[in-house]
Amino acid sequence: MTFTGEDSLSCIGIAAQTREYRFAQSMVYVAEQGENARRSSEIDKMKVDHKEEIEIYQTENEKLKKEATGNVMMEDEEIKRKLDIAVERIGILAFENDVLKDNSCKKEELLKAEILNLNKCISRQKAKCADLSTGIDKLKKESAIFTERVTNMESERKKKYENLKIEIDMLKRDADLQKVQSENSINTLQDENQQLHERLKGVRNIKMQAQEHIRQLNELFDIENSSKSEIRVKELEDQIAALKTVNTDLESISKKFEQVTSCSLCDEKYESTGKRAPVKLKCRHVFCSHCANNWLKSQGNKSSCPACREPYRSEHIRFVYLNTDL
């Protein structure tokens, strides 16, 4: 298992969310407790209000009874009517009081059930938080082990990187030197033919070495995957790209060398003597002796340079003497 800095931040985020969840659960529990207390208070208040109203009617009933007893002159029917109304009202209030008691008991049972469910939810959340805490501790330990492993790999990779950098710098200097020497050497065909042959051999060796190092670097890049090494790997890739550019330039120089050391008409390489010896015409274009003379014979008096069409005669054909064999 591998972890990065983002995994550590995720662990911290989980811990923060756990604390926020605990706080939210506590706030919900406190709010529900307050709501339960408020409901109980309202029920108790309603009980008290009905009780007071019953007591008022009972007091009024007693007063009416006393008035009926004390005031003989009061009509019996009126007193009876008031008594009946009072008794009926007392019965209604008593019934409402019983209903309120029954509803209060039901609500109390519901509240107890809700509180029990909330306590179960809180217990489950506590268990989850404990599991999260254990998981976070495990992640911290694994992160420490991974960090140590990455540090060791970074140290080894740094050593390999320094060694490869030295080798690449040497190859680059050699390649740059070969490029400069090759570009200068093609200015004079007669003086630099042999040197170009030797340098082309060196270029092939350098190219093989570069390809081998590129292969090694690619293997190294496949192994290394940490965020810190990607920056240095990018630098190595840039240097490899530059080295490939040098190799491309050297291959271009090699092609140019092949062009200037071969006849453009028959594509045969020039020789120091014989029919493949290089000759130049009046216009200074160079061909092999065989092609220049055959072209002159086939065209007769209308013979002209195959490259620029400038007329030439046999006296215009001049040998180009090479310092070495190609």
C-alpha atoms as a PDB file:
ATOM      1  CA  MET A   1       0.000   0.000   0.000  1.00  0.00           C
ATOM      2  CA  THR A   2       1.330   3.431  -0.975  1.00  0.00           C
ATOM      3  CA  PHE A   3       0.307   6.878   0.344  1.00  0.00           C
ATOM      4  CA  THR A   4       1.046  10.428  -0.639  1.00  0.00           C
ATOM      5  CA  GLY A   5       0.657  13.812   1.030  1.00  0.00           C
ATOM      6  CA  GLU A   6      -2.942  13.860  -0.228  1.00  0.00           C
ATOM      7  CA  ASP A   7      -3.653  10.632   1.738  1.00  0.00           C
ATOM      8  CA  SER A   8      -2.439  12.321   4.946  1.00  0.00           C
ATOM      9  CA  LEU A   9      -4.732  15.268   4.265  1.00  0.00           C
ATOM     10  CA  SER A  10      -7.603  12.808   3.686  1.00  0.00           C
ATOM     11  CA  CYS A  11      -6.918  11.244   7.097  1.00  0.00           C
ATOM     12  CA  ILE A  12      -6.974  14.668   8.726  1.00  0.00           C
ATOM     13  CA  GLY A  13     -10.204  15.435   6.858  1.00  0.00           C
ATOM     14  CA  ILE A  14     -11.768  12.195   8.122  1.00  0.00           C
ATOM     15  CA  ALA A  15     -10.786  13.071  11.693  1.00  0.00           C
ATOM     16  CA  ALA A  16     -12.219  16.576  11.301  1.00  0.00           C
ATOM     17  CA  GLN A  17     -15.454  15.187   9.862  1.00  0.00           C
ATOM     18  CA  THR A  18     -15.646  12.710  12.751  1.00  0.00           C
ATOM     19  CA  ARG A  19     -15.345  15.511  15.293  1.00  0.00           C
ATOM     20  CA  GLU A  20     -17.948  17.564  13.407  1.00  0.00           C
ATOM     21  CA  TYR A  21     -20.268  14.544  13.302  1.00  0.00           C
ATOM     22  CA  ARG A  22     -19.885  14.009  17.053  1.00  0.00           C
ATOM     23  CA  PHE A  23     -20.611  17.675  17.707  1.00  0.00           C
ATOM     24  CA  ALA A  24     -23.662  17.555  15.387  1.00  0.00           C
ATOM     25  CA  GLN A  25     -24.979  14.435  17.143  1.00  0.00           C
ATOM     26  CA  SER A  26     -24.551  16.139  20.515  1.00  0.00           C
ATOM     27  CA  MET A  27     -26.378  19.234  19.280  1.00  0.00           C
ATOM     28  CA  VAL A  28     -29.251  17.086  17.890  1.00  0.00           C
ATOM     29  CA  TYR A  29     -29.481  15.216  21.178  1.00  0.00           C
ATOM     30  CA  VAL A  30     -29.544  18.474  23.203  1.00  0.00           C
ATOM     31  CA  ALA A  31     -32.152  19.971  20.843  1.00  0.00           C
ATOM     32  CA  GLU A  32     -34.371  16.916  21.120  1.00  0.00           C
ATOM     33  CA  GLN A  33     -34.023  16.886  24.888  1.00  0.00           C
ATOM     34  CA  GLY A  34     -35.046  20.560  24.934  1.00  0.00           C
ATOM     35  CA  GLU A  35     -38.022  19.834  22.662  1.00  0.00           C
ATOM     36  CA  ASN A  36     -39.096  16.938  24.896  1.00  0.00           C
ATOM     37  CA  ALA A  37     -38.834  19.156  27.958  1.00  0.00           C
ATOM     38  CA  ARG A  38     -40.850  21.865  26.205  1.00  0.00           C
ATOM     39  CA  ARG A  39     -43.603  19.403  25.273  1.00  0.00           C
ATOM     40  CA  SER A  40     -43.719  18.002  28.793  1.00  0.00           C
ATOM     41  CA  SER A  41     -43.900  21.552  30.146  1.00  0.00           C
ATOM     42  CA  GLU A  42     -46.805  22.377  27.819  1.00  0.00           C
ATOM     43  CA  ILE A  43     -48.670  19.216  28.845  1.00  0.00           C
ATOM     44  CA  ASP A  44     -48.101  19.970  32.526  1.00  0.00           C
ATOM     45  CA  LYS A  45     -49.263  23.537  31.960  1.00  0.00           C
ATOM     46  CA  MET A  46     -52.433  22.289  30.233  1.00  0.00           C
ATOM     47  CA  LYS A  47     -53.041  19.930  33.139  1.00  0.00           C
ATOM     48  CA  VAL A  48     -52.634  22.792  35.601  1.00  0.00           C
ATOM     49  CA  ASP A  49     -54.912  25.067  33.532  1.00  0.00           C
ATOM     50  CA  HIS A  50     -57.681  22.432  33.375  1.00  0.00           C
ATOM     51  CA  LYS A  51     -57.240  21.674  37.032  1.00  0.00           C
ATOM     52  CA  GLU A  52     -57.570  25.341  37.893  1.00  0.00           C
ATOM     53  CA  GLU A  53     -60.643  25.642  35.657  1.00  0.00           C
ATOM     54  CA  ILE A  54     -62.200  22.589  37.344  1.00  0.00           C
ATOM     55  CA  GLU A  55     -61.444  24.067  40.726  1.00  0.00           C
ATOM     56  CA  ILE A  56     -63.050  27.355  39.642  1.00  0.00           C
ATOM     57  CA  TYR A  57     -66.227  25.548  38.540  1.00  0.00           C
ATOM     58  CA  GLN A  58     -66.219  23.484  41.699  1.00  0.00           C
ATOM     59  CA  THR A  59     -65.847  26.678  43.732  1.00  0.00           C
ATOM     60  CA  GLU A  60     -68.647  28.266  41.736  1.00  0.00           C
ATOM     61  CA  ASN A  61     -70.778  25.156  42.306  1.00  0.00           C
ATOM     62  CA  GLU A  62     -70.137  25.320  46.004  1.00  0.00           C
ATOM     63  CA  LYS A  63     -70.950  29.019  45.945  1.00  0.00           C
ATOM     64  CA  LEU A  64     -74.203  28.304  44.135  1.00  0.00           C
ATOM     65  CA  LYS A  65     -75.049  25.640  46.648  1.00  0.00           C
ATOM     66  CA  LYS A  66     -74.356  28.076  49.461  1.00  0.00           C
ATOM     67  CA  GLU A  67     -76.404  30.726  47.695  1.00  0.00           C
ATOM     68  CA  ALA A  68     -79.216  28.222  47.249  1.00  0.00           C
ATOM     69  CA  THR A  69     -79.036  27.311  50.890  1.00  0.00           C
ATOM     70  CA  GLY A  70     -78.663  30.896  52.140  1.00  0.00           C
ATOM     71  CA  ASN A  71     -81.186  32.440  49.777  1.00  0.00           C
ATOM     72  CA  VAL A  72     -84.417  30.561  50.026  1.00  0.00           C
ATOM     73  CA  MET A  73     -86.113  33.136  47.865  1.00  0.00           C
ATOM     74  CA  MET A  74     -84.100  32.145  44.790  1.00  0.00           C
ATOM     75  CA  GLU A  75     -86.031  30.181  42.321  1.00  0.00           C
ATOM     76  CA  ASP A  76     -85.316  26.434  42.416  1.00  0.00           C
ATOM     77  CA  GLU A  77     -85.397  26.026  38.645  1.00  0.00           C
ATOM     78  CA  GLU A  78     -82.721  28.640  38.063  1.00  0.00           C
ATOM     79  CA  ILE A  79     -80.500  27.141  40.697  1.00  0.00           C
ATOM     80  CA  LYS A  80     -81.034  23.667  39.276  1.00  0.00           C
ATOM     81  CA  ARG A  81     -80.232  24.867  35.764  1.00  0.00           C
ATOM     82  CA  LYS A  82     -77.001  26.498  36.894  1.00  0.00           C
ATOM     83  CA  LEU A  83     -76.114  23.389  38.853  1.00  0.00           C
ATOM     84  CA  ASP A  84     -76.769  21.182  35.825  1.00  0.00           C
ATOM     85  CA  ILE A  85     -74.636  23.437  33.617  1.00  0.00           C
ATOM     86  CA  ALA A  86     -71.859  23.385  36.186  1.00  0.00           C
ATOM     87  CA  VAL A  87     -72.038  19.603  36.546  1.00  0.00           C
ATOM     88  CA  GLU A  88     -72.061  19.154  32.758  1.00  0.00           C
ATOM     89  CA  ARG A  89     -69.098  21.480  32.405  1.00  0.00           C
ATOM     90  CA  ILE A  90     -67.241  19.662  35.142  1.00  0.00           C
ATOM     91  CA  GLY A  91     -67.884  16.363  33.325  1.00  0.00           C
ATOM     92  CA  ILE A  92     -66.613  17.768  30.041  1.00  0.00           C
ATOM     93  CA  LEU A  93     -63.494  19.145  31.698  1.00  0.00           C
ATOM     94  CA  ALA A  94     -62.894  15.866  33.465  1.00  0.00           C
ATOM     95  CA  PHE A  95     -63.208  14.024  30.136  1.00  0.00           C
ATOM     96  CA  GLU A  96     -60.815  16.466  28.440  1.00  0.00           C
ATOM     97  CA  ASN A  97     -58.436  16.051  31.346  1.00  0.00           C
ATOM     98  CA  ASP A  98     -58.525  12.258  30.907  1.00  0.00           C
ATOM     99  CA  VAL A  99     -57.904  12.659  27.168  1.00  0.00           C
ATOM    100  CA  LEU A 100     -54.960  14.944  27.873  1.00  0.00           C
ATOM    101  CA  LYS A 101     -53.569  12.454  30.350  1.00  0.00           C
ATOM    102  CA  ASP A 102     -53.913   9.648  27.804  1.00  0.00           C
ATOM    103  CA  ASN A 103     -52.268  11.746  25.046  1.00  0.00           C
ATOM    104  CA  SER A 104     -49.568  12.794  27.463  1.00  0.00           C
ATOM    105  CA  CYS A 105     -48.806   9.174  28.274  1.00  0.00           C
ATOM    106  CA  LYS A 106     -48.689   8.240  24.578  1.00  0.00           C
ATOM    107  CA  LYS A 107     -46.426  11.187  23.753  1.00  0.00           C
ATOM    108  CA  GLU A 108     -44.220  10.307  26.678  1.00  0.00           C
ATOM    109  CA  GLU A 109     -43.915   6.726  25.400  1.00  0.00           C
ATOM    110  CA  LEU A 110     -43.107   8.004  21.904  1.00  0.00           C
ATOM    111  CA  LEU A 111     -40.496  10.368  23.306  1.00  0.00           C
ATOM    112  CA  LYS A 112     -38.954   7.562  25.316  1.00  0.00           C
ATOM    113  CA  ALA A 113     -38.824   5.392  22.179  1.00  0.00           C
ATOM    114  CA  GLU A 114     -37.223   8.246  20.194  1.00  0.00           C
ATOM    115  CA  ILE A 115     -34.692   8.849  22.962  1.00  0.00           C
ATOM    116  CA  LEU A 116     -33.893   5.115  22.998  1.00  0.00           C
ATOM    117  CA  ASN A 117     -33.369   5.121  19.215  1.00  0.00           C
ATOM    118  CA  LEU A 118     -31.191   8.215  19.471  1.00  0.00           C
ATOM    119  CA  ASN A 119     -29.096   6.570  22.167  1.00  0.00           C
ATOM    120  CA  LYS A 120     -28.690   3.511  19.928  1.00  0.00           C
ATOM    121  CA  CYS A 121     -27.654   5.737  17.009  1.00  0.00           C
ATOM    122  CA  ILE A 122     -25.181   7.575  19.220  1.00  0.00           C
ATOM    123  CA  SER A 123     -23.742   4.237  20.392  1.00  0.00           C
ATOM    124  CA  ARG A 124     -23.350   3.088  16.790  1.00  0.00           C
ATOM    125  CA  GLN A 125     -21.698   6.388  15.857  1.00  0.00           C
ATOM    126  CA  LYS A 126     -19.336   6.066  18.809  1.00  0.00           C
ATOM    127  CA  ALA A 127     -18.395   2.576  17.614  1.00  0.00           C
ATOM    128  CA  LYS A 128     -17.820   3.931  14.082  1.00  0.00           C
ATOM    129  CA  CYS A 129     -15.715   6.771  15.484  1.00  0.00           C
ATOM    130  CA  ALA A 130     -13.648   4.261  17.438  1.00  0.00           C
ATOM    131  CA  ASP A 131     -13.126   2.230  14.242  1.00  0.00           C
ATOM    132  CA  LEU A 132     -12.184   5.415  12.372  1.00  0.00           C
ATOM    133  CA  SER A 133      -9.718   6.354  15.093  1.00  0.00           C
ATOM    134  CA  THR A 134      -8.146   2.901  14.893  1.00  0.00           C
ATOM    135  CA  GLY A 135      -7.984   3.170  11.094  1.00  0.00           C
ATOM    136  CA  ILE A 136      -6.391   6.625  11.313  1.00  0.00           C
ATOM    137  CA  ASP A 137      -3.722   5.338  13.709  1.00  0.00           C
ATOM    138  CA  LYS A 138      -3.019   2.480  11.314  1.00  0.00           C
ATOM    139  CA  LEU A 139      -2.794   4.913   8.386  1.00  0.00           C
ATOM    140  CA  LYS A 140      -0.361   7.094  10.343  1.00  0.00           C
ATOM    141  CA  LYS A 141       1.908   4.113  11.005  1.00  0.00           C
ATOM    142  CA  GLU A 142       1.757   3.013   7.363  1.00  0.00           C
ATOM    143  CA  SER A 143       2.411   6.598   6.278  1.00  0.00           C
ATOM    144  CA  ALA A 144       5.520   6.763   8.472  1.00  0.00           C
ATOM    145  CA  ILE A 145       6.783   3.466   7.015  1.00  0.00           C
ATOM    146  CA  PHE A 146       6.052   4.657   3.482  1.00  0.00           C
ATOM    147  CA  THR A 147       7.804   7.987   4.126  1.00  0.00           C
ATOM    148  CA  GLU A 148      10.921   6.184   5.318  1.00  0.00           C
ATOM    149  CA  ARG A 149      10.808   3.885   2.290  1.00  0.00           C
ATOM    150  CA  VAL A 150      10.408   6.841  -0.071  1.00  0.00           C
ATOM    151  CA  THR A 151      13.333   8.610   1.612  1.00  0.00           C
ATOM    152  CA  ASN A 152      15.570   5.583   1.074  1.00  0.00           C
ATOM    153  CA  MET A 153      14.429   5.199  -2.539  1.00  0.00           C
ATOM    154  CA  GLU A 154      14.999   8.915  -3.124  1.00  0.00           C
ATOM    155  CA  SER A 155      18.554   8.627  -1.775  1.00  0.00           C
ATOM    156  CA  GLU A 156      19.316   5.676  -4.071  1.00  0.00           C
ATOM    157  CA  ARG A 157      17.625   7.353  -7.015  1.00  0.00           C
ATOM    158  CA  LYS A 158      19.638  10.530  -6.391  1.00  0.00           C
ATOM    159  CA  LYS A 159      22.903   8.593  -6.549  1.00  0.00           C
ATOM    160  CA  LYS A 160      21.836   6.907  -9.797  1.00  0.00           C
ATOM    161  CA  TYR A 161      20.677  10.256 -11.151  1.00  0.00           C
ATOM    162  CA  GLU A 162      24.041  11.911 -10.430  1.00  0.00           C
ATOM    163  CA  ASN A 163      25.930   9.068 -12.113  1.00  0.00           C
ATOM    164  CA  LEU A 164      23.642   9.134 -15.137  1.00  0.00           C
ATOM    165  CA  LYS A 165      23.897  12.902 -15.320  1.00  0.00           C
ATOM    166  CA  ILE A 166      27.692  12.698 -15.424  1.00  0.00           C
ATOM    167  CA  GLU A 167      27.558  10.070 -18.177  1.00  0.00           C
ATOM    168  CA  ILE A 168      24.996  12.069 -20.164  1.00  0.00           C
ATOM    169  CA  ASP A 169      27.082  15.244 -19.839  1.00  0.00           C
ATOM    170  CA  MET A 170      30.112  13.374 -21.134  1.00  0.00           C
ATOM    171  CA  LEU A 171      28.111  11.929 -24.018  1.00  0.00           C
ATOM    172  CA  LYS A 172      26.649  15.319 -24.787  1.00  0.00           C
ATOM    173  CA  ARG A 173      30.079  16.979 -24.803  1.00  0.00           C
ATOM    174  CA  ASP A 174      31.426  14.236 -27.046  1.00  0.00           C
ATOM    175  CA  ALA A 175      28.417  14.523 -29.328  1.00  0.00           C
ATOM    176  CA  ASP A 176      28.673  18.322 -29.485  1.00  0.00           C
ATOM    177  CA  LEU A 177      32.366  18.055 -30.269  1.00  0.00           C
ATOM    178  CA  GLN A 178      31.691  15.495 -32.983  1.00  0.00           C
ATOM    179  CA  LYS A 179      28.960  17.708 -34.427  1.00  0.00           C
ATOM    180  CA  VAL A 180      31.240  20.765 -34.609  1.00  0.00           C
ATOM    181  CA  GLN A 181      34.083  18.770 -36.086  1.00  0.00           C
ATOM    182  CA  SER A 182      31.753  17.120 -38.610  1.00  0.00           C
ATOM    183  CA  GLU A 183      30.232  20.434 -39.712  1.00  0.00           C
ATOM    184  CA  ASN A 184      33.707  21.923 -40.198  1.00  0.00           C
ATOM    185  CA  SER A 185      35.065  18.843 -41.926  1.00  0.00           C
ATOM    186  CA  ILE A 186      32.612  18.857 -44.846  1.00  0.00           C
ATOM    187  CA  ASN A 187      33.757  22.328 -46.011  1.00  0.00           C
ATOM    188  CA  THR A 188      36.691  20.826 -47.857  1.00  0.00           C
ATOM    189  CA  LEU A 189      36.075  17.457 -49.483  1.00  0.00           C
ATOM    190  CA  GLN A 190      39.709  16.766 -50.391  1.00  0.00           C
ATOM    191  CA  ASP A 191      41.110  17.383 -46.864  1.00  0.00           C
ATOM    192  CA  GLU A 192      38.410  15.863 -44.623  1.00  0.00           C
ATOM    193  CA  ASN A 193      37.176  12.629 -46.235  1.00  0.00           C
ATOM    194  CA  GLN A 194      39.206  10.275 -44.058  1.00  0.00           C
ATOM    195  CA  GLN A 195      38.422  12.235 -40.879  1.00  0.00           C
ATOM    196  CA  LEU A 196      34.698  12.020 -41.632  1.00  0.00           C
ATOM    197  CA  HIS A 197      34.994   8.243 -41.954  1.00  0.00           C
ATOM    198  CA  GLU A 198      36.618   8.013 -38.541  1.00  0.00           C
ATOM    199  CA  ARG A 199      34.100  10.344 -36.942  1.00  0.00           C
ATOM    200  CA  LEU A 200      31.177   8.451 -38.410  1.00  0.00           C
ATOM    201  CA  LYS A 201      32.462   5.347 -36.692  1.00  0.00           C
ATOM    202  CA  GLY A 202      32.641   7.319 -33.440  1.00  0.00           C
ATOM    203  CA  VAL A 203      29.127   8.614 -34.012  1.00  0.00           C
ATOM    204  CA  ARG A 204      27.784   5.092 -34.400  1.00  0.00           C
ATOM    205  CA  ASN A 205      29.440   4.071 -31.135  1.00  0.00           C
ATOM    206  CA  ILE A 206      28.070   7.151 -29.385  1.00  0.00           C
ATOM    207  CA  LYS A 207      24.627   6.442 -30.777  1.00  0.00           C
ATOM    208  CA  MET A 208      24.732   2.858 -29.496  1.00  0.00           C
ATOM    209  CA  GLN A 209      25.866   4.079 -26.082  1.00  0.00           C
ATOM    210  CA  ALA A 210      23.148   6.731 -26.055  1.00  0.00           C
ATOM    211  CA  GLN A 211      20.494   4.165 -26.982  1.00  0.00           C
ATOM    212  CA  GLU A 212      21.699   1.903 -24.189  1.00  0.00           C
ATOM    213  CA  HIS A 213      21.584   4.747 -21.686  1.00  0.00           C
ATOM    214  CA  ILE A 214      18.147   5.749 -22.955  1.00  0.00           C
ATOM    215  CA  ARG A 215      16.969   2.188 -22.378  1.00  0.00           C
ATOM    216  CA  GLN A 216      18.435   2.231 -18.855  1.00  0.00           C
ATOM    217  CA  LEU A 217      16.837   5.589 -18.160  1.00  0.00           C
ATOM    218  CA  ASN A 218      13.464   4.363 -19.400  1.00  0.00           C
ATOM    219  CA  GLU A 219      13.715   1.363 -17.061  1.00  0.00           C
ATOM    220  CA  LEU A 220      14.623   3.694 -14.225  1.00  0.00           C
ATOM    221  CA  PHE A 221      11.698   5.987 -15.067  1.00  0.00           C
ATOM    222  CA  ASP A 222       9.302   2.997 -15.001  1.00  0.00           C
ATOM    223  CA  ILE A 223      10.474   2.124 -11.475  1.00  0.00           C
ATOM    224  CA  GLU A 224      10.426   5.646 -10.018  1.00  0.00           C
ATOM    225  CA  ASN A 225       6.908   7.049  -9.419  1.00  0.00           C
ATOM    226  CA  SER A 226       7.234   9.514  -6.527  1.00  0.00           C
ATOM    227  CA  SER A 227       6.235  13.148  -7.055  1.00  0.00           C
ATOM    228  CA  LYS A 228       9.710  14.457  -6.152  1.00  0.00           C
ATOM    229  CA  SER A 229      11.526  12.269  -8.682  1.00  0.00           C
ATOM    230  CA  GLU A 230       9.249  13.317 -11.560  1.00  0.00           C
ATOM    231  CA  ILE A 231      10.929  16.746 -11.711  1.00  0.00           C
ATOM    232  CA  ARG A 232      14.422  15.260 -12.021  1.00  0.00           C
ATOM    233  CA  VAL A 233      13.176  12.606 -14.434  1.00  0.00           C
ATOM    234  CA  LYS A 234      11.819  15.417 -16.612  1.00  0.00           C
ATOM    235  CA  GLU A 235      15.286  16.994 -16.633  1.00  0.00           C
ATOM    236  CA  LEU A 236      16.797  13.684 -17.757  1.00  0.00           C
ATOM    237  CA  GLU A 237      14.171  13.364 -20.460  1.00  0.00           C
ATOM    238  CA  ASP A 238      15.047  16.856 -21.710  1.00  0.00           C
ATOM    239  CA  GLN A 239      18.727  15.907 -21.849  1.00  0.00           C
ATOM    240  CA  ILE A 240      17.866  12.681 -23.675  1.00  0.00           C
ATOM    241  CA  ALA A 241      15.789  14.661 -26.161  1.00  0.00           C
ATOM    242  CA  ALA A 242      18.739  17.003 -26.709  1.00  0.00           C
ATOM    243  CA  LEU A 243      21.030  14.001 -27.217  1.00  0.00           C
ATOM    244  CA  LYS A 244      18.585  12.534 -29.731  1.00  0.00           C
ATOM    245  CA  THR A 245      18.646  15.868 -31.559  1.00  0.00           C
ATOM    246  CA  VAL A 246      22.442  15.675 -31.706  1.00  0.00           C
ATOM    247  CA  ASN A 247      22.219  12.129 -33.064  1.00  0.00           C
ATOM    248  CA  THR A 248      19.731  13.317 -35.671  1.00  0.00           C
ATOM    249  CA  ASP A 249      22.118  16.092 -36.696  1.00  0.00           C
ATOM    250  CA  LEU A 250      24.963  13.601 -36.940  1.00  0.00           C
ATOM    251  CA  GLU A 251      22.851  11.322 -39.101  1.00  0.00           C
ATOM    252  CA  SER A 252      22.058  14.318 -41.316  1.00  0.00           C
ATOM    253  CA  ILE A 253      25.771  15.064 -41.565  1.00  0.00           C
ATOM    254  CA  SER A 254      26.387  11.428 -42.462  1.00  0.00           C
ATOM    255  CA  LYS A 255      23.823  11.651 -45.261  1.00  0.00           C
ATOM    256  CA  LYS A 256      25.423  14.844 -46.544  1.00  0.00           C
ATOM    257  CA  PHE A 257      28.802  13.113 -46.473  1.00  0.00           C
ATOM    258  CA  GLU A 258      27.387  10.252 -48.510  1.00  0.00           C
ATOM    259  CA  GLN A 259      26.002  12.771 -51.003  1.00  0.00           C
ATOM    260  CA  VAL A 260      29.260  14.689 -51.473  1.00  0.00           C
ATOM    261  CA  THR A 261      31.326  11.496 -51.776  1.00  0.00           C
ATOM    262  CA  SER A 262      29.090   9.900 -54.431  1.00  0.00           C
ATOM    263  CA  CYS A 263      28.284  10.812 -58.010  1.00  0.00           C
ATOM    264  CA  SER A 264      24.811  12.346 -58.231  1.00  0.00           C
ATOM    265  CA  LEU A 265      24.197  10.676 -61.610  1.00  0.00           C
ATOM    266  CA  CYS A 266      25.130   7.043 -60.977  1.00  0.00           C
ATOM    267  CA  ASP A 267      25.193   7.093 -57.111  1.00  0.00           C
ATOM    268  CA  GLU A 268      28.551   5.305 -57.181  1.00  0.00           C
ATOM    269  CA  LYS A 269      31.219   6.323 -54.646  1.00  0.00           C
ATOM    270  CA  TYR A 270      34.161   8.302 -55.936  1.00  0.00           C
ATOM    271  CA  GLU A 271      37.520   6.607 -56.330  1.00  0.00           C
ATOM    272  CA  SER A 272      40.992   8.159 -56.262  1.00  0.00           C
ATOM    273  CA  THR A 273      41.727   7.003 -59.821  1.00  0.00           C
ATOM    274  CA  GLY A 274      39.950   5.320 -62.705  1.00  0.00           C
ATOM    275  CA  LYS A 275      36.554   5.934 -64.254  1.00  0.00           C
ATOM    276  CA  ARG A 276      34.968   6.691 -60.861  1.00  0.00           C
ATOM    277  CA  ALA A 277      37.481   9.433 -60.053  1.00  0.00           C
ATOM    278  CA  PRO A 278      35.729  12.775 -59.339  1.00  0.00           C
ATOM    279  CA  VAL A 279      35.950  15.523 -61.969  1.00  0.00           C
ATOM    280  CA  LYS A 280      34.596  19.065 -61.976  1.00  0.00           C
ATOM    281  CA  LEU A 281      33.129  20.891 -64.959  1.00  0.00           C
ATOM    282  CA  LYS A 282      33.357  24.523 -65.989  1.00  0.00           C
ATOM    283  CA  CYS A 283      30.480  25.344 -63.650  1.00  0.00           C
ATOM    284  CA  ARG A 284      32.350  23.605 -60.748  1.00  0.00           C
ATOM    285  CA  HIS A 285      29.760  20.831 -60.345  1.00  0.00           C
ATOM    286  CA  VAL A 286      31.422  17.482 -59.541  1.00  0.00           C
ATOM    287  CA  PHE A 287      30.594  14.119 -61.152  1.00  0.00           C
ATOM    288  CA  CYS A 288      32.525  10.906 -61.728  1.00  0.00           C
ATOM    289  CA  SER A 289      34.763  10.798 -64.812  1.00  0.00           C
ATOM    290  CA  HIS A 290      32.696   8.019 -66.390  1.00  0.00           C
ATOM    291  CA  CYS A 291      29.391   9.945 -66.228  1.00  0.00           C
ATOM    292  CA  ALA A 292      30.918  13.283 -67.300  1.00  0.00           C
ATOM    293  CA  ASN A 293      32.561  11.786 -70.426  1.00  0.00           C
ATOM    294  CA  ASN A 294      29.603   9.563 -71.352  1.00  0.00           C
ATOM    295  CA  TRP A 295      27.249  12.520 -71.017  1.00  0.00           C
ATOM    296  CA  LEU A 296      29.551  14.559 -73.280  1.00  0.00           C
ATOM    297  CA  LYS A 297      29.625  11.762 -75.879  1.00  0.00           C
ATOM    298  CA  SER A 298      25.865  11.273 -75.855  1.00  0.00           C
ATOM    299  CA  GLN A 299      25.045  14.997 -76.169  1.00  0.00           C
ATOM    300  CA  GLY A 300      27.833  15.988 -78.547  1.00  0.00           C
ATOM    301  CA  ASN A 301      28.202  19.710 -79.172  1.00  0.00           C
ATOM    302  CA  LYS A 302      25.025  20.375 -77.201  1.00  0.00           C
ATOM    303  CA  SER A 303      26.426  18.840 -74.029  1.00  0.00           C
ATOM    304  CA  SER A 304      25.691  20.816 -70.848  1.00  0.00           C
ATOM    305  CA  CYS A 305      25.988  20.260 -67.100  1.00  0.00           C
ATOM    306  CA  PRO A 306      23.223  17.887 -65.858  1.00  0.00           C
ATOM    307  CA  ALA A 307      22.812  20.053 -62.763  1.00  0.00           C
ATOM    308  CA  CYS A 308      22.791  23.670 -64.029  1.00  0.00           C
ATOM    309  CA  ARG A 309      22.712  23.194 -67.848  1.00  0.00           C
ATOM    310  CA  GLU A 310      25.849  25.281 -68.436  1.00  0.00           C
ATOM    311  CA  PRO A 311      27.574  24.087 -71.660  1.00  0.00           C
ATOM    312  CA  TYR A 312      30.949  22.338 -71.353  1.00  0.00           C
ATOM    313  CA  ARG A 313      33.550  20.656 -73.568  1.00  0.00           C
ATOM    314  CA  SER A 314      36.148  17.975 -72.964  1.00  0.00           C
ATOM    315  CA  GLU A 315      38.756  20.606 -72.114  1.00  0.00           C
ATOM    316  CA  HIS A 316      36.533  21.843 -69.293  1.00  0.00           C
ATOM    317  CA  ILE A 317      36.706  18.483 -67.490  1.00  0.00           C
ATOM    318  CA  ARG A 318      39.268  18.671 -64.639  1.00  0.00           C
ATOM    319  CA  PHE A 319      40.141  15.902 -62.196  1.00  0.00           C
ATOM    320  CA  VAL A 320      39.640  16.496 -58.475  1.00  0.00           C
ATOM    321  CA  TYR A 321      42.499  14.878 -56.552  1.00  0.00           C
ATOM    322  CA  LEU A 322      41.584  13.343 -53.197  1.00  0.00           C
ATOM    323  CA  ASN A 323      44.063  13.122 -50.322  1.00  0.00           C
ATOM    324  CA  THR A 324      42.831   9.647 -49.406  1.00  0.00           C
ATOM    325  CA  ASP A 325      40.749   6.814 -50.737  1.00  0.00           C
ATOM    326  CA  LEU A 326      37.037   6.842 -49.888  1.00  0.00           C
END
